[in-house]
Protein backbone atom coordinates (compact mmCIF):
# COMPACT_ATOMS: atom_id res chain seq x y z
CA UNK A 1 1.69 18.16 17.05
CA UNK A 2 -1.52 20.00 17.73
CA UNK A 3 -2.96 21.62 20.84
CA UNK A 4 -6.47 20.36 21.62
CA UNK A 5 -9.04 20.47 24.41
CA UNK A 6 -10.77 17.35 25.69
CA UNK A 7 -14.50 18.03 25.31
CA UNK A 8 -15.97 14.59 25.95
CA UNK A 9 -15.62 10.84 26.07
CA UNK A 10 -16.82 7.99 23.91
CA UNK A 11 -17.52 4.36 24.71
CA UNK A 12 -17.20 1.57 22.18
CA UNK A 13 -17.79 -1.99 23.31
CA UNK A 14 -17.24 -3.40 19.82
CA UNK A 15 -13.91 -2.30 18.32
CA UNK A 16 -10.67 -3.62 16.89
CA UNK A 17 -9.21 -5.97 19.51
CA UNK A 18 -5.90 -4.06 19.54
CA UNK A 19 -7.76 -1.06 20.99
CA UNK A 20 -9.07 -3.01 23.98
CA UNK A 21 -8.50 -1.18 27.26
CA UNK A 22 -7.73 2.15 25.56
CA UNK A 23 -9.78 5.22 26.51
CA UNK A 24 -11.18 7.20 23.57
CA UNK A 25 -11.69 10.93 24.11
CA UNK A 26 -13.38 13.58 21.98
CA UNK A 27 -11.18 16.60 21.25
CA UNK A 28 -11.27 19.94 19.46
CA UNK A 29 -8.18 21.75 18.26
CA UNK A 30 -7.50 25.03 20.11
CA UNK A 31 -5.65 28.26 19.60
CA UNK A 32 -2.80 29.30 21.93
CA UNK A 33 -5.31 30.72 24.42
CA UNK A 34 -7.01 27.34 24.74
CA UNK A 35 -10.12 28.42 22.80
CA UNK A 36 -11.52 25.46 20.78
CA UNK A 37 -12.27 25.67 17.06
CA UNK A 38 -12.88 23.25 14.22
CA UNK A 39 -14.65 19.91 14.14
CA UNK A 40 -14.46 17.44 17.05
CA UNK A 41 -12.38 14.29 16.57
CA UNK A 42 -11.56 11.18 18.58
CA UNK A 43 -8.10 10.40 19.95
CA UNK A 44 -6.70 7.51 21.95
CA UNK A 45 -5.70 8.60 25.45
CA UNK A 46 -2.37 7.19 26.65
CA UNK A 47 -2.03 9.44 29.72
CA UNK A 48 -5.35 9.44 31.59
CA UNK A 49 -6.38 12.91 30.43
CA UNK A 50 -9.86 14.15 31.30
CA UNK A 51 -12.61 16.44 30.08
CA UNK A 52 -11.42 20.06 30.21
CA UNK A 53 -7.71 19.21 29.89
CA UNK A 54 -5.58 20.87 27.23
CA UNK A 55 -3.45 18.24 25.51
CA UNK A 56 -0.87 17.77 22.77
CA UNK A 57 -1.75 15.28 20.06
CA UNK A 58 0.05 13.49 17.26
CA UNK A 59 -1.75 12.41 14.09
CA UNK A 60 -1.36 9.93 11.27
CA UNK A 61 1.68 7.67 11.32
CA UNK A 62 3.18 9.76 14.15
CA UNK A 63 0.20 8.76 16.28
CA UNK A 64 1.31 5.14 16.04
CA UNK A 65 4.80 5.71 17.40
CA UNK A 66 4.14 5.52 21.16
CA UNK A 67 4.59 2.25 23.03
CA UNK A 68 0.84 1.96 23.61
CA UNK A 69 -0.21 2.72 20.03
CA UNK A 70 2.40 0.87 17.97
CA UNK A 71 0.84 -1.26 15.20
CA UNK A 72 -2.70 -0.21 16.08
CA UNK A 73 -5.32 1.43 13.79
CA UNK A 74 -4.95 4.90 15.31
CA UNK A 75 -5.07 8.29 13.61
CA UNK A 76 -4.79 10.56 16.67
CA UNK A 77 -3.17 10.04 20.07
CA UNK A 78 -2.90 12.18 23.20
CA UNK A 79 0.78 12.25 24.09
CA UNK A 80 0.99 15.09 26.65
CA UNK A 81 -1.26 16.96 29.08
CA UNK A 82 -0.44 20.69 29.06
CA UNK A 83 0.32 22.37 32.40
CA UNK A 84 0.63 25.85 30.93
CA UNK A 85 1.28 27.69 27.67
CA UNK A 86 3.55 30.69 27.49
CA UNK A 87 3.74 32.90 24.39
CA UNK A 88 6.16 35.85 24.28
CA UNK A 89 6.65 35.77 28.06
CA UNK A 90 2.88 35.76 28.71
CA UNK A 91 1.07 32.75 30.11
CA UNK A 92 -1.95 32.20 27.86
CA UNK A 93 -3.17 29.02 29.58
CA UNK A 94 -2.63 27.50 33.02
CA UNK A 95 -4.17 24.21 34.13
CA UNK A 96 -6.41 24.78 37.15
């Protein structure tokens, strides 16, 4: 699993038919303070996350193990929206 921040959305009217009805969001991996780094990537949203949300993602074959992504051409999936992060008894991120 990776922690990532939703930084945007993407629209694709022509795509594999098994992805129909699935929202595609643009993410960047973050550190434990919620600060983004690295290159943006696209993930399938299974939870109705939105821009600005901190999320947990699964990648590769693990990304195809949810009910909504099984047997679909998916490399990254949002599987949780983070409410808060706590490291060594200190909250480093709290959803507003």
